[in-house]
Every structure is written in C-alpha cells, then in structure tokens.
C-alpha cells in the first residue's frame, strides 16, 4: 500500500493491521541495524538488561536461558538464538554461567549495559524525527484503544 496522493478519507479506510505490521518491521530492522553498527545485537542488550539488578532484574539473580526466553518473549524475535547470543557475552566476560546453567551479569557486563544504553536516545530521536510528542501520544492512545476494542489488554 502506498500513501502517495492518498486523501485523509482514503487513509482512514486503510487497515490498521497492515500499517502496524509495516511499522513494526521497519522499526525493529532500523533499531537492530543501529545496534549492529555499535557492535552488539538486540538480544545481547536485552540479556544484559534482564540480568542487571540496576535495570529489569528485581534482585540481580542469575537466570537460565529458559527463564530469560520467557521473560523476553514479547520483544525477542523467534529467530533470535539466545544461547548463541549469551555465549558471545560469556566470551566477552560480560556474563558468567554457574554450575546450574544460570547466567549472571559481571561488573564488565554492567558497564557494557550502561554504555550500550547510551545509544538508545539517538536511535529514538531518529525514529521520532519530525513527529511531535503530542502526535506520538495520540497515535499510541489510538493503538491502545484498538487493542481494547479487539479484546486485548494494552501493556
């Protein structure tokens, strides 16, 4: 579908599912490409975040790959190989693995998580370029209402 020379009325008749799918794929591809340019992957960043007591982890307790996969199910793609990604982080010294197979973030991994997180504002700024905050909030509210209208629960 194209928006070239399409009126507002024609746009209003287009399927939201199509456009949300196109937006999702474009945003994920863009974000992952920017992360790759900085030398890390999307799953690696989320592994560090989920294991850090200074971020997502409530207690900094180590987690198994299965626990991590479950915790990250809403933002890790099916093709992501968390075992391989975790192994890269172990080799870098950012994670360690205990005798029970639980992964733990190291001090070096915590420093890396903070450093990698510094790229997020630039990625967000590029994605939001030309979109004022009020329009962005309106778009999210519309999507949330569509989710409720279809029996879902906005997160």
C-alpha atoms as a PDB file:
ATOM      1  CA  UNK A   1       0.000   0.000   0.000  1.00  0.00           C
ATOM      2  CA  UNK A   2       1.186   3.496  -0.710  1.00  0.00           C
ATOM      3  CA  UNK A   3       0.297   6.848   0.787  1.00  0.00           C
ATOM      4  CA  UNK A   4       1.239   8.787  -2.358  1.00  0.00           C
ATOM      5  CA  UNK A   5      -1.604  11.133  -3.275  1.00  0.00           C
ATOM      6  CA  UNK A   6      -3.980   9.422  -0.851  1.00  0.00           C
ATOM      7  CA  UNK A   7      -6.605  11.568   0.820  1.00  0.00           C
ATOM      8  CA  UNK A   8      -7.230  11.525   4.553  1.00  0.00           C
ATOM      9  CA  UNK A   9     -10.536   9.728   3.883  1.00  0.00           C
ATOM     10  CA  UNK A  10      -8.723   7.042   1.900  1.00  0.00           C
ATOM     11  CA  UNK A  11      -6.089   6.707   4.623  1.00  0.00           C
ATOM     12  CA  UNK A  12      -8.819   6.350   7.254  1.00  0.00           C
ATOM     13  CA  UNK A  13     -10.212   3.369   5.318  1.00  0.00           C
ATOM     14  CA  UNK A  14      -6.900   1.504   5.199  1.00  0.00           C
ATOM     15  CA  UNK A  15      -6.343  -1.465   7.534  1.00  0.00           C
ATOM     16  CA  UNK A  16      -4.550  -0.652  10.771  1.00  0.00           C
ATOM     17  CA  UNK A  17      -3.144  -4.191  10.988  1.00  0.00           C
ATOM     18  CA  UNK A  18      -1.278  -3.709   7.713  1.00  0.00           C
ATOM     19  CA  UNK A  19       0.283  -0.413   8.798  1.00  0.00           C
ATOM     20  CA  UNK A  20       1.152  -1.570  12.308  1.00  0.00           C
ATOM     21  CA  UNK A  21       2.869  -4.613  10.782  1.00  0.00           C
ATOM     22  CA  UNK A  22       4.851  -2.473   8.339  1.00  0.00           C
ATOM     23  CA  UNK A  23       5.780  -0.076  11.143  1.00  0.00           C
ATOM     24  CA  UNK A  24       6.856  -2.911  13.441  1.00  0.00           C
ATOM     25  CA  UNK A  25       9.138  -4.485  10.829  1.00  0.00           C
ATOM     26  CA  UNK A  26      10.683  -1.141   9.841  1.00  0.00           C
ATOM     27  CA  UNK A  27      11.278  -0.025  13.441  1.00  0.00           C
ATOM     28  CA  UNK A  28      12.778  -3.338  14.524  1.00  0.00           C
ATOM     29  CA  UNK A  29      15.040  -3.514  11.458  1.00  0.00           C
ATOM     30  CA  UNK A  30      16.186   0.086  11.951  1.00  0.00           C
ATOM     31  CA  UNK A  31      16.887  -0.386  15.668  1.00  0.00           C
ATOM     32  CA  UNK A  32      18.762  -3.646  15.158  1.00  0.00           C
ATOM     33  CA  UNK A  33      20.858  -2.145  12.351  1.00  0.00           C
ATOM     34  CA  UNK A  34      21.881   0.798  14.551  1.00  0.00           C
ATOM     35  CA  UNK A  35      22.779  -1.590  17.372  1.00  0.00           C
ATOM     36  CA  UNK A  36      24.841  -3.754  14.986  1.00  0.00           C
ATOM     37  CA  UNK A  37      26.742  -0.636  13.875  1.00  0.00           C
ATOM     38  CA  UNK A  38      27.750  -0.210  17.528  1.00  0.00           C
ATOM     39  CA  UNK A  39      28.945  -3.817  17.793  1.00  0.00           C
ATOM     40  CA  UNK A  40      26.136  -5.542  19.656  1.00  0.00           C
ATOM     41  CA  UNK A  41      22.827  -7.220  18.961  1.00  0.00           C
ATOM     42  CA  UNK A  42      19.337  -6.560  20.208  1.00  0.00           C
ATOM     43  CA  UNK A  43      19.201  -9.881  22.118  1.00  0.00           C
ATOM     44  CA  UNK A  44      22.585  -9.209  23.738  1.00  0.00           C
ATOM     45  CA  UNK A  45      21.376  -5.856  25.043  1.00  0.00           C
ATOM     46  CA  UNK A  46      18.200  -7.424  26.436  1.00  0.00           C
ATOM     47  CA  UNK A  47      20.134 -10.280  28.059  1.00  0.00           C
ATOM     48  CA  UNK A  48      22.246  -7.738  29.920  1.00  0.00           C
ATOM     49  CA  UNK A  49      19.197  -5.674  30.865  1.00  0.00           C
ATOM     50  CA  UNK A  50      17.267  -8.673  32.179  1.00  0.00           C
ATOM     51  CA  UNK A  51      20.192  -9.823  34.326  1.00  0.00           C
ATOM     52  CA  UNK A  52      21.067  -6.420  35.795  1.00  0.00           C
ATOM     53  CA  UNK A  53      19.717  -5.524  39.230  1.00  0.00           C
ATOM     54  CA  UNK A  54      20.131  -1.900  38.074  1.00  0.00           C
ATOM     55  CA  UNK A  55      17.695  -2.408  35.227  1.00  0.00           C
ATOM     56  CA  UNK A  56      14.982  -5.045  34.687  1.00  0.00           C
ATOM     57  CA  UNK A  57      16.037  -7.709  37.205  1.00  0.00           C
ATOM     58  CA  UNK A  58      14.485  -7.097  40.606  1.00  0.00           C
ATOM     59  CA  UNK A  59      17.234  -8.856  42.528  1.00  0.00           C
ATOM     60  CA  UNK A  60      20.164  -9.399  40.138  1.00  0.00           C
ATOM     61  CA  UNK A  61      19.660 -13.136  40.493  1.00  0.00           C
ATOM     62  CA  UNK A  62      21.009 -15.283  37.680  1.00  0.00           C
ATOM     63  CA  UNK A  63      18.580 -16.832  35.229  1.00  0.00           C
ATOM     64  CA  UNK A  64      18.526 -19.860  32.960  1.00  0.00           C
ATOM     65  CA  UNK A  65      18.135 -19.441  29.222  1.00  0.00           C
ATOM     66  CA  UNK A  66      14.565 -20.735  29.508  1.00  0.00           C
ATOM     67  CA  UNK A  67      13.759 -18.132  32.183  1.00  0.00           C
ATOM     68  CA  UNK A  68      15.323 -15.414  30.054  1.00  0.00           C
ATOM     69  CA  UNK A  69      13.443 -16.566  26.942  1.00  0.00           C
ATOM     70  CA  UNK A  70      10.176 -16.470  28.901  1.00  0.00           C
ATOM     71  CA  UNK A  71      10.946 -13.034  30.372  1.00  0.00           C
ATOM     72  CA  UNK A  72      11.834 -11.613  26.951  1.00  0.00           C
ATOM     73  CA  UNK A  73       9.104 -13.311  24.911  1.00  0.00           C
ATOM     74  CA  UNK A  74       7.335 -10.075  23.997  1.00  0.00           C
ATOM     75  CA  UNK A  75      10.386  -8.421  22.404  1.00  0.00           C
ATOM     76  CA  UNK A  76      12.713 -11.170  21.220  1.00  0.00           C
ATOM     77  CA  UNK A  77      12.040 -12.492  17.754  1.00  0.00           C
ATOM     78  CA  UNK A  78      11.582 -16.224  17.070  1.00  0.00           C
ATOM     79  CA  UNK A  79      14.779 -16.354  15.022  1.00  0.00           C
ATOM     80  CA  UNK A  80      16.900 -14.941  17.868  1.00  0.00           C
ATOM     81  CA  UNK A  81      19.257 -17.596  19.251  1.00  0.00           C
ATOM     82  CA  UNK A  82      19.606 -16.627  22.905  1.00  0.00           C
ATOM     83  CA  UNK A  83      22.023 -19.478  23.623  1.00  0.00           C
ATOM     84  CA  UNK A  84      24.435 -18.256  20.939  1.00  0.00           C
ATOM     85  CA  UNK A  85      23.989 -14.617  21.973  1.00  0.00           C
ATOM     86  CA  UNK A  86      24.636 -15.484  25.623  1.00  0.00           C
ATOM     87  CA  UNK A  87      27.753 -17.420  24.647  1.00  0.00           C
ATOM     88  CA  UNK A  88      29.147 -14.316  22.929  1.00  0.00           C
ATOM     89  CA  UNK A  89      28.576 -12.353  26.125  1.00  0.00           C
ATOM     90  CA  UNK A  90      30.249 -15.074  28.203  1.00  0.00           C
ATOM     91  CA  UNK A  91      33.259 -14.965  25.844  1.00  0.00           C
ATOM     92  CA  UNK A  92      33.400 -11.169  26.237  1.00  0.00           C
ATOM     93  CA  UNK A  93      33.373 -11.553  30.007  1.00  0.00           C
ATOM     94  CA  UNK A  94      30.035  -9.734  30.318  1.00  0.00           C
ATOM     95  CA  UNK A  95      28.191 -12.802  31.616  1.00  0.00           C
ATOM     96  CA  UNK A  96      29.201 -15.881  33.592  1.00  0.00           C
ATOM     97  CA  UNK A  97      27.457 -19.242  33.855  1.00  0.00           C
ATOM     98  CA  UNK A  98      27.209 -21.176  37.109  1.00  0.00           C
ATOM     99  CA  UNK A  99      27.091 -24.950  37.628  1.00  0.00           C
ATOM    100  CA  UNK A 100      23.272 -24.954  37.292  1.00  0.00           C
ATOM    101  CA  UNK A 101      23.449 -23.161  33.940  1.00  0.00           C
ATOM    102  CA  UNK A 102      22.230 -19.829  35.291  1.00  0.00           C
ATOM    103  CA  UNK A 103      23.649 -16.742  33.638  1.00  0.00           C
ATOM    104  CA  UNK A 104      24.884 -13.844  35.751  1.00  0.00           C
ATOM    105  CA  UNK A 105      25.941 -10.371  34.675  1.00  0.00           C
ATOM    106  CA  UNK A 106      29.516  -9.418  35.563  1.00  0.00           C
ATOM    107  CA  UNK A 107      30.853  -5.997  36.534  1.00  0.00           C
ATOM    108  CA  UNK A 108      32.191  -5.670  32.977  1.00  0.00           C
ATOM    109  CA  UNK A 109      28.751  -6.643  31.681  1.00  0.00           C
ATOM    110  CA  UNK A 110      27.120  -3.977  33.844  1.00  0.00           C
ATOM    111  CA  UNK A 111      29.494  -1.349  32.473  1.00  0.00           C
ATOM    112  CA  UNK A 112      28.740  -2.564  28.944  1.00  0.00           C
ATOM    113  CA  UNK A 113      24.969  -2.412  29.597  1.00  0.00           C
ATOM    114  CA  UNK A 114      25.270   1.206  30.688  1.00  0.00           C
ATOM    115  CA  UNK A 115      27.476   2.055  27.701  1.00  0.00           C
ATOM    116  CA  UNK A 116      25.183   0.301  25.204  1.00  0.00           C
ATOM    117  CA  UNK A 117      22.167   2.042  26.713  1.00  0.00           C
ATOM    118  CA  UNK A 118      23.695   5.381  25.823  1.00  0.00           C
ATOM    119  CA  UNK A 119      22.887   4.668  22.162  1.00  0.00           C
ATOM    120  CA  UNK A 120      19.138   4.357  22.782  1.00  0.00           C
ATOM    121  CA  UNK A 121      18.328   8.102  22.873  1.00  0.00           C
ATOM    122  CA  UNK A 122      19.928   8.672  19.443  1.00  0.00           C
ATOM    123  CA  UNK A 123      18.025   5.724  17.974  1.00  0.00           C
ATOM    124  CA  UNK A 124      14.775   7.011  19.473  1.00  0.00           C
ATOM    125  CA  UNK A 125      15.461  10.555  18.253  1.00  0.00           C
ATOM    126  CA  UNK A 126      15.942   9.354  14.684  1.00  0.00           C
ATOM    127  CA  UNK A 127      12.740   7.307  14.799  1.00  0.00           C
ATOM    128  CA  UNK A 128      10.778  10.247  16.243  1.00  0.00           C
ATOM    129  CA  UNK A 129      12.252  12.857  13.881  1.00  0.00           C
ATOM    130  CA  UNK A 130       9.518  15.164  12.573  1.00  0.00           C
ATOM    131  CA  UNK A 131       6.903  13.801  14.996  1.00  0.00           C
ATOM    132  CA  UNK A 132       5.916  15.997  17.885  1.00  0.00           C
ATOM    133  CA  UNK A 133       5.242  14.379  21.250  1.00  0.00           C
ATOM    134  CA  UNK A 134       1.521  15.231  21.164  1.00  0.00           C
ATOM    135  CA  UNK A 135       1.077  13.389  17.845  1.00  0.00           C
ATOM    136  CA  UNK A 136       3.066  10.433  19.147  1.00  0.00           C
ATOM    137  CA  UNK A 137       0.927  10.237  22.300  1.00  0.00           C
ATOM    138  CA  UNK A 138      -2.246  10.437  20.195  1.00  0.00           C
ATOM    139  CA  UNK A 139      -1.024   7.608  17.956  1.00  0.00           C
ATOM    140  CA  UNK A 140      -0.284   5.408  20.972  1.00  0.00           C
ATOM    141  CA  UNK A 141      -3.674   6.171  22.538  1.00  0.00           C
ATOM    142  CA  UNK A 142      -5.391   5.229  19.272  1.00  0.00           C
ATOM    143  CA  UNK A 143      -3.464   1.945  19.122  1.00  0.00           C
ATOM    144  CA  UNK A 144      -4.280   1.197  22.754  1.00  0.00           C
ATOM    145  CA  UNK A 145      -7.983   1.779  22.081  1.00  0.00           C
ATOM    146  CA  UNK A 146      -7.845  -0.527  19.050  1.00  0.00           C
ATOM    147  CA  UNK A 147      -6.277  -3.183  21.283  1.00  0.00           C
ATOM    148  CA  UNK A 148      -9.087  -2.779  23.832  1.00  0.00           C
ATOM    149  CA  UNK A 149     -11.709  -2.783  21.029  1.00  0.00           C
ATOM    150  CA  UNK A 150     -10.448  -6.164  19.877  1.00  0.00           C
ATOM    151  CA  UNK A 151     -10.415  -7.756  23.325  1.00  0.00           C
ATOM    152  CA  UNK A 152      -6.756  -7.230  24.080  1.00  0.00           C
ATOM    153  CA  UNK A 153      -5.146  -5.547  27.039  1.00  0.00           C
ATOM    154  CA  UNK A 154      -2.651  -2.780  26.307  1.00  0.00           C
ATOM    155  CA  UNK A 155       0.547  -3.414  28.244  1.00  0.00           C
END
